[in-house]
Amino acid sequence: SGGSTNYADSVKGRFTISRNNAKNTVYLQMS
């Protein structure tokens, strides 16, 4: 809820998880 993130080793450095609580939405940016 405070924005701290963790990632699987397989995606670390490539994926970013984020959230917009005002929009009730969570995102996964994959590169």
ModelCIF file with pLDDT and N, C-alpha, C, O atoms, coordinates in Angstrom:
data_MODEL
#
_entry.id   MODEL 
#
_entity.id                         1 
_entity.type                       polymer 
_entity.pdbx_number_of_molecules   1 
#
_entity_poly.entity_id                      1 
_entity_poly.type                           'polypeptide(L)' 
_entity_poly.nstd_linkage                   no 
_entity_poly.nstd_monomer                   no 
_entity_poly.pdbx_seq_one_letter_code       SGGSTNYADSVKGRFTISRNNAKNTVYLQMS 
_entity_poly.pdbx_seq_one_letter_code_can   SGGSTNYADSVKGRFTISRNNAKNTVYLQMS 
_entity_poly.pdbx_strand_id                 A 
#
loop_
_entity_poly_seq.entity_id 
_entity_poly_seq.num 
_entity_poly_seq.mon_id 
_entity_poly_seq.hetero 
1 1  SER n 
1 2  GLY n 
1 3  GLY n 
1 4  SER n 
1 5  THR n 
1 6  ASN n 
1 7  TYR n 
1 8  ALA n 
1 9  ASP n 
1 10 SER n 
1 11 VAL n 
1 12 LYS n 
1 13 GLY n 
1 14 ARG n 
1 15 PHE n 
1 16 THR n 
1 17 ILE n 
1 18 SER n 
1 19 ARG n 
1 20 ASN n 
1 21 ASN n 
1 22 ALA n 
1 23 LYS n 
1 24 ASN n 
1 25 THR n 
1 26 VAL n 
1 27 TYR n 
1 28 LEU n 
1 29 GLN n 
1 30 MET n 
1 31 SER n 
#
_struct_asym.id          A 
_struct_asym.entity_id   1 
#
loop_
_ma_qa_metric.id 
_ma_qa_metric.mode 
_ma_qa_metric.name 
_ma_qa_metric.software_group_id 
_ma_qa_metric.type 
1 global pLDDT . pLDDT 
2 local  pLDDT . pLDDT 
#
_ma_qa_metric_global.metric_id      1 
_ma_qa_metric_global.metric_value   95.23 
_ma_qa_metric_global.model_id       1 
_ma_qa_metric_global.ordinal_id     1 
#
loop_
_ma_qa_metric_local.label_asym_id 
_ma_qa_metric_local.label_comp_id 
_ma_qa_metric_local.label_seq_id 
_ma_qa_metric_local.metric_id 
_ma_qa_metric_local.metric_value 
_ma_qa_metric_local.model_id 
_ma_qa_metric_local.ordinal_id 
A SER 1  2 88.00 1 1  
A GLY 2  2 88.00 1 2  
A GLY 3  2 92.00 1 3  
A SER 4  2 96.00 1 4  
A THR 5  2 98.00 1 5  
A ASN 6  2 98.00 1 6  
A TYR 7  2 98.00 1 7  
A ALA 8  2 98.00 1 8  
A ASP 9  2 98.00 1 9  
A SER 10 2 98.00 1 10 
A VAL 11 2 98.00 1 11 
A LYS 12 2 98.00 1 12 
A GLY 13 2 98.00 1 13 
A ARG 14 2 98.00 1 14 
A PHE 15 2 98.00 1 15 
A THR 16 2 98.00 1 16 
A ILE 17 2 98.00 1 17 
A SER 18 2 97.00 1 18 
A ARG 19 2 94.00 1 19 
A ASN 20 2 92.00 1 20 
A ASN 21 2 87.00 1 21 
A ALA 22 2 87.00 1 22 
A LYS 23 2 90.00 1 23 
A ASN 24 2 90.00 1 24 
A THR 25 2 93.00 1 25 
A VAL 26 2 95.00 1 26 
A TYR 27 2 97.00 1 27 
A LEU 28 2 98.00 1 28 
A GLN 29 2 98.00 1 29 
A MET 30 2 98.00 1 30 
A SER 31 2 98.00 1 31 
#
loop_
_atom_site.group_PDB 
_atom_site.id 
_atom_site.type_symbol 
_atom_site.label_atom_id 
_atom_site.label_alt_id 
_atom_site.label_comp_id 
_atom_site.label_asym_id 
_atom_site.label_entity_id 
_atom_site.label_seq_id 
_atom_site.pdbx_PDB_ins_code 
_atom_site.Cartn_x 
_atom_site.Cartn_y 
_atom_site.Cartn_z 
_atom_site.occupancy 
_atom_site.B_iso_or_equiv 
_atom_site.pdbx_formal_charge 
_atom_site.auth_seq_id 
_atom_site.auth_comp_id 
_atom_site.auth_asym_id 
_atom_site.auth_atom_id 
_atom_site.pdbx_PDB_model_num 
ATOM 1   N N  . SER A 1 1  ? 0.817  -1.205  0.000   1.00 88.00 ? 1  SER A N  1 
ATOM 2   C CA . SER A 1 1  ? 0.000  0.000   0.000   1.00 88.00 ? 1  SER A CA 1 
ATOM 3   C C  . SER A 1 1  ? 0.851  1.255   0.000   1.00 88.00 ? 1  SER A C  1 
ATOM 4   O O  . SER A 1 1  ? 0.425  2.296   -0.500  1.00 88.00 ? 1  SER A O  1 
ATOM 5   N N  . GLY A 1 2  ? 2.058  1.167   0.560   1.00 88.00 ? 2  GLY A N  1 
ATOM 6   C CA . GLY A 1 2  ? 2.964  2.298   0.597   1.00 88.00 ? 2  GLY A CA 1 
ATOM 7   C C  . GLY A 1 2  ? 3.867  2.429   -0.607  1.00 88.00 ? 2  GLY A C  1 
ATOM 8   O O  . GLY A 1 2  ? 4.640  3.382   -0.703  1.00 88.00 ? 2  GLY A O  1 
ATOM 9   N N  . GLY A 1 3  ? 3.780  1.477   -1.536  1.00 92.00 ? 3  GLY A N  1 
ATOM 10  C CA . GLY A 1 3  ? 4.547  1.564   -2.764  1.00 92.00 ? 3  GLY A CA 1 
ATOM 11  C C  . GLY A 1 3  ? 5.835  0.776   -2.799  1.00 92.00 ? 3  GLY A C  1 
ATOM 12  O O  . GLY A 1 3  ? 6.574  0.867   -3.779  1.00 92.00 ? 3  GLY A O  1 
ATOM 13  N N  . SER A 1 4  ? 6.133  0.002   -1.766  1.00 96.00 ? 4  SER A N  1 
ATOM 14  C CA . SER A 1 4  ? 7.325  -0.844  -1.794  1.00 96.00 ? 4  SER A CA 1 
ATOM 15  C C  . SER A 1 4  ? 7.108  -2.004  -2.743  1.00 96.00 ? 4  SER A C  1 
ATOM 16  O O  . SER A 1 4  ? 6.022  -2.584  -2.779  1.00 96.00 ? 4  SER A O  1 
ATOM 17  N N  . THR A 1 5  ? 8.132  -2.349  -3.514  1.00 98.00 ? 5  THR A N  1 
ATOM 18  C CA . THR A 1 5  ? 8.002  -3.365  -4.554  1.00 98.00 ? 5  THR A CA 1 
ATOM 19  C C  . THR A 1 5  ? 9.010  -4.483  -4.386  1.00 98.00 ? 5  THR A C  1 
ATOM 20  O O  . THR A 1 5  ? 10.083 -4.297  -3.812  1.00 98.00 ? 5  THR A O  1 
ATOM 21  N N  . ASN A 1 6  ? 8.644  -5.650  -4.900  1.00 98.00 ? 6  ASN A N  1 
ATOM 22  C CA . ASN A 1 6  ? 9.535  -6.789  -4.977  1.00 98.00 ? 6  ASN A CA 1 
ATOM 23  C C  . ASN A 1 6  ? 9.277  -7.508  -6.285  1.00 98.00 ? 6  ASN A C  1 
ATOM 24  O O  . ASN A 1 6  ? 8.164  -7.480  -6.811  1.00 98.00 ? 6  ASN A O  1 
ATOM 25  N N  . TYR A 1 7  ? 10.321 -8.160  -6.814  1.00 98.00 ? 7  TYR A N  1 
ATOM 26  C CA . TYR A 1 7  ? 10.233 -8.811  -8.110  1.00 98.00 ? 7  TYR A CA 1 
ATOM 27  C C  . TYR A 1 7  ? 10.876 -10.180 -8.082  1.00 98.00 ? 7  TYR A C  1 
ATOM 28  O O  . TYR A 1 7  ? 11.837 -10.422 -7.352  1.00 98.00 ? 7  TYR A O  1 
ATOM 29  N N  . ALA A 1 8  ? 10.327 -11.076 -8.894  1.00 98.00 ? 8  ALA A N  1 
ATOM 30  C CA . ALA A 1 8  ? 10.993 -12.337 -9.129  1.00 98.00 ? 8  ALA A CA 1 
ATOM 31  C C  . ALA A 1 8  ? 12.313 -12.081 -9.846  1.00 98.00 ? 8  ALA A C  1 
ATOM 32  O O  . ALA A 1 8  ? 12.425 -11.145 -10.637 1.00 98.00 ? 8  ALA A O  1 
ATOM 33  N N  . ASP A 1 9  ? 13.306 -12.914 -9.568  1.00 98.00 ? 9  ASP A N  1 
ATOM 34  C CA . ASP A 1 9  ? 14.610 -12.735 -10.197 1.00 98.00 ? 9  ASP A CA 1 
ATOM 35  C C  . ASP A 1 9  ? 14.522 -12.748 -11.722 1.00 98.00 ? 9  ASP A C  1 
ATOM 36  O O  . ASP A 1 9  ? 15.290 -12.063 -12.397 1.00 98.00 ? 9  ASP A O  1 
ATOM 37  N N  . SER A 1 10 ? 13.600 -13.516 -12.253 1.00 98.00 ? 10 SER A N  1 
ATOM 38  C CA . SER A 1 10 ? 13.485 -13.666 -13.694 1.00 98.00 ? 10 SER A CA 1 
ATOM 39  C C  . SER A 1 10 ? 13.047 -12.393 -14.408 1.00 98.00 ? 10 SER A C  1 
ATOM 40  O O  . SER A 1 10 ? 13.265 -12.255 -15.612 1.00 98.00 ? 10 SER A O  1 
ATOM 41  N N  . VAL A 1 11 ? 12.431 -11.463 -13.683 1.00 98.00 ? 11 VAL A N  1 
ATOM 42  C CA . VAL A 1 11 ? 11.932 -10.242 -14.305 1.00 98.00 ? 11 VAL A CA 1 
ATOM 43  C C  . VAL A 1 11 ? 12.579 -8.987  -13.756 1.00 98.00 ? 11 VAL A C  1 
ATOM 44  O O  . VAL A 1 11 ? 12.308 -7.891  -14.248 1.00 98.00 ? 11 VAL A O  1 
ATOM 45  N N  . LYS A 1 12 ? 13.414 -9.117  -12.763 1.00 98.00 ? 12 LYS A N  1 
ATOM 46  C CA . LYS A 1 12 ? 14.041 -7.965  -12.114 1.00 98.00 ? 12 LYS A CA 1 
ATOM 47  C C  . LYS A 1 12 ? 14.836 -7.148  -13.125 1.00 98.00 ? 12 LYS A C  1 
ATOM 48  O O  . LYS A 1 12 ? 15.631 -7.688  -13.894 1.00 98.00 ? 12 LYS A O  1 
ATOM 49  N N  . GLY A 1 13 ? 14.610 -5.851  -13.110 1.00 98.00 ? 13 GLY A N  1 
ATOM 50  C CA . GLY A 1 13 ? 15.278 -4.961  -14.041 1.00 98.00 ? 13 GLY A CA 1 
ATOM 51  C C  . GLY A 1 13 ? 14.547 -4.768  -15.346 1.00 98.00 ? 13 GLY A C  1 
ATOM 52  O O  . GLY A 1 13 ? 14.892 -3.876  -16.121 1.00 98.00 ? 13 GLY A O  1 
ATOM 53  N N  . ARG A 1 14 ? 13.539 -5.587  -15.605 1.00 98.00 ? 14 ARG A N  1 
ATOM 54  C CA . ARG A 1 14 ? 12.779 -5.493  -16.848 1.00 98.00 ? 14 ARG A CA 1 
ATOM 55  C C  . ARG A 1 14 ? 11.326 -5.092  -16.622 1.00 98.00 ? 14 ARG A C  1 
ATOM 56  O O  . ARG A 1 14 ? 10.733 -4.407  -17.455 1.00 98.00 ? 14 ARG A O  1 
ATOM 57  N N  . PHE A 1 15 ? 10.753 -5.516  -15.500 1.00 98.00 ? 15 PHE A N  1 
ATOM 58  C CA . PHE A 1 15 ? 9.352  -5.241  -15.192 1.00 98.00 ? 15 PHE A CA 1 
ATOM 59  C C  . PHE A 1 15 ? 9.254  -4.225  -14.063 1.00 98.00 ? 15 PHE A C  1 
ATOM 60  O O  . PHE A 1 15 ? 10.113 -4.183  -13.182 1.00 98.00 ? 15 PHE A O  1 
ATOM 61  N N  . THR A 1 16 ? 8.210  -3.410  -14.091 1.00 98.00 ? 16 THR A N  1 
ATOM 62  C CA . THR A 1 16 ? 7.935  -2.454  -13.030 1.00 98.00 ? 16 THR A CA 1 
ATOM 63  C C  . THR A 1 16 ? 6.464  -2.523  -12.648 1.00 98.00 ? 16 THR A C  1 
ATOM 64  O O  . THR A 1 16 ? 5.584  -2.362  -13.494 1.00 98.00 ? 16 THR A O  1 
ATOM 65  N N  . ILE A 1 17 ? 6.205  -2.763  -11.377 1.00 98.00 ? 17 ILE A N  1 
ATOM 66  C CA . ILE A 1 17 ? 4.841  -2.752  -10.866 1.00 98.00 ? 17 ILE A CA 1 
ATOM 67  C C  . ILE A 1 17 ? 4.567  -1.390  -10.235 1.00 98.00 ? 17 ILE A C  1 
ATOM 68  O O  . ILE A 1 17 ? 5.435  -0.824  -9.570  1.00 98.00 ? 17 ILE A O  1 
ATOM 69  N N  . SER A 1 18 ? 3.377  -0.874  -10.442 1.00 97.00 ? 18 SER A N  1 
ATOM 70  C CA . SER A 1 18 ? 2.990  0.406   -9.868  1.00 97.00 ? 18 SER A CA 1 
ATOM 71  C C  . SER A 1 18 ? 1.499  0.386   -9.583  1.00 97.00 ? 18 SER A C  1 
ATOM 72  O O  . SER A 1 18 ? 0.783  -0.517  -10.017 1.00 97.00 ? 18 SER A O  1 
ATOM 73  N N  . ARG A 1 19 ? 1.039  1.391   -8.850  1.00 94.00 ? 19 ARG A N  1 
ATOM 74  C CA . ARG A 1 19 ? -0.388 1.467   -8.562  1.00 94.00 ? 19 ARG A CA 1 
ATOM 75  C C  . ARG A 1 19 ? -0.833 2.916   -8.522  1.00 94.00 ? 19 ARG A C  1 
ATOM 76  O O  . ARG A 1 19 ? -0.065 3.812   -8.171  1.00 94.00 ? 19 ARG A O  1 
ATOM 77  N N  . ASN A 1 20 ? -2.082 3.126   -8.886  1.00 92.00 ? 20 ASN A N  1 
ATOM 78  C CA . ASN A 1 20 ? -2.736 4.410   -8.783  1.00 92.00 ? 20 ASN A CA 1 
ATOM 79  C C  . ASN A 1 20 ? -3.987 4.182   -7.949  1.00 92.00 ? 20 ASN A C  1 
ATOM 80  O O  . ASN A 1 20 ? -5.016 3.744   -8.462  1.00 92.00 ? 20 ASN A O  1 
ATOM 81  N N  . ASN A 1 21 ? -3.890 4.480   -6.675  1.00 87.00 ? 21 ASN A N  1 
ATOM 82  C CA . ASN A 1 21 ? -4.994 4.189   -5.769  1.00 87.00 ? 21 ASN A CA 1 
ATOM 83  C C  . ASN A 1 21 ? -6.236 5.024   -6.071  1.00 87.00 ? 21 ASN A C  1 
ATOM 84  O O  . ASN A 1 21 ? -7.357 4.570   -5.844  1.00 87.00 ? 21 ASN A O  1 
ATOM 85  N N  . ALA A 1 22 ? -6.047 6.234   -6.578  1.00 87.00 ? 22 ALA A N  1 
ATOM 86  C CA . ALA A 1 22 ? -7.181 7.072   -6.938  1.00 87.00 ? 22 ALA A CA 1 
ATOM 87  C C  . ALA A 1 22 ? -8.001 6.448   -8.051  1.00 87.00 ? 22 ALA A C  1 
ATOM 88  O O  . ALA A 1 22 ? -9.209 6.669   -8.134  1.00 87.00 ? 22 ALA A O  1 
ATOM 89  N N  . LYS A 1 23 ? -7.352 5.666   -8.912  1.00 90.00 ? 23 LYS A N  1 
ATOM 90  C CA . LYS A 1 23 ? -8.028 4.996   -10.013 1.00 90.00 ? 23 LYS A CA 1 
ATOM 91  C C  . LYS A 1 23 ? -8.312 3.530   -9.727  1.00 90.00 ? 23 LYS A C  1 
ATOM 92  O O  . LYS A 1 23 ? -8.836 2.822   -10.587 1.00 90.00 ? 23 LYS A O  1 
ATOM 93  N N  . ASN A 1 24 ? -7.972 3.067   -8.531  1.00 90.00 ? 24 ASN A N  1 
ATOM 94  C CA . ASN A 1 24 ? -8.155 1.660   -8.171  1.00 90.00 ? 24 ASN A CA 1 
ATOM 95  C C  . ASN A 1 24 ? -7.535 0.734   -9.214  1.00 90.00 ? 24 ASN A C  1 
ATOM 96  O O  . ASN A 1 24 ? -8.159 -0.232  -9.654  1.00 90.00 ? 24 ASN A O  1 
ATOM 97  N N  . THR A 1 25 ? -6.311 1.039   -9.598  1.00 93.00 ? 25 THR A N  1 
ATOM 98  C CA . THR A 1 25 ? -5.656 0.304   -10.672 1.00 93.00 ? 25 THR A CA 1 
ATOM 99  C C  . THR A 1 25 ? -4.210 0.002   -10.314 1.00 93.00 ? 25 THR A C  1 
ATOM 100 O O  . THR A 1 25 ? -3.511 0.837   -9.740  1.00 93.00 ? 25 THR A O  1 
ATOM 101 N N  . VAL A 1 26 ? -3.770 -1.204  -10.661 1.00 95.00 ? 26 VAL A N  1 
ATOM 102 C CA . VAL A 1 26 ? -2.375 -1.587  -10.545 1.00 95.00 ? 26 VAL A CA 1 
ATOM 103 C C  . VAL A 1 26 ? -1.859 -1.924  -11.934 1.00 95.00 ? 26 VAL A C  1 
ATOM 104 O O  . VAL A 1 26 ? -2.598 -2.458  -12.761 1.00 95.00 ? 26 VAL A O  1 
ATOM 105 N N  . TYR A 1 27 ? -0.594 -1.614  -12.196 1.00 97.00 ? 27 TYR A N  1 
ATOM 106 C CA . TYR A 1 27 ? -0.007 -1.770  -13.518 1.00 97.00 ? 27 TYR A CA 1 
ATOM 107 C C  . TYR A 1 27 ? 1.223  -2.663  -13.462 1.00 97.00 ? 27 TYR A C  1 
ATOM 108 O O  . TYR A 1 27 ? 1.872  -2.796  -12.424 1.00 97.00 ? 27 TYR A O  1 
ATOM 109 N N  . LEU A 1 28 ? 1.523  -3.263  -14.591 1.00 98.00 ? 28 LEU A N  1 
ATOM 110 C CA . LEU A 1 28 ? 2.780  -3.963  -14.771 1.00 98.00 ? 28 LEU A CA 1 
ATOM 111 C C  . LEU A 1 28 ? 3.374  -3.525  -16.098 1.00 98.00 ? 28 LEU A C  1 
ATOM 112 O O  . LEU A 1 28 ? 2.894  -3.910  -17.164 1.00 98.00 ? 28 LEU A O  1 
ATOM 113 N N  . GLN A 1 29 ? 4.422  -2.716  -16.024 1.00 98.00 ? 29 GLN A N  1 
ATOM 114 C CA . GLN A 1 29 ? 5.145  -2.289  -17.211 1.00 98.00 ? 29 GLN A CA 1 
ATOM 115 C C  . GLN A 1 29 ? 6.218  -3.320  -17.512 1.00 98.00 ? 29 GLN A C  1 
ATOM 116 O O  . GLN A 1 29 ? 7.094  -3.566  -16.683 1.00 98.00 ? 29 GLN A O  1 
ATOM 117 N N  . MET A 1 30 ? 6.159  -3.919  -18.680 1.00 98.00 ? 30 MET A N  1 
ATOM 118 C CA . MET A 1 30 ? 7.077  -4.978  -19.072 1.00 98.00 ? 30 MET A CA 1 
ATOM 119 C C  . MET A 1 30 ? 7.918  -4.503  -20.242 1.00 98.00 ? 30 MET A C  1 
ATOM 120 O O  . MET A 1 30 ? 7.386  -4.079  -21.268 1.00 98.00 ? 30 MET A O  1 
ATOM 121 N N  . SER A 1 31 ? 9.226  -4.574  -20.087 1.00 98.00 ? 31 SER A N  1 
ATOM 122 C CA . SER A 1 31 ? 10.163 -4.170  -21.124 1.00 98.00 ? 31 SER A CA 1 
ATOM 123 C C  . SER A 1 31 ? 11.143 -5.295  -21.387 1.00 98.00 ? 31 SER A C  1 
ATOM 124 O O  . SER A 1 31 ? 12.026 -5.159  -22.234 1.00 98.00 ? 31 SER A O  1 
#
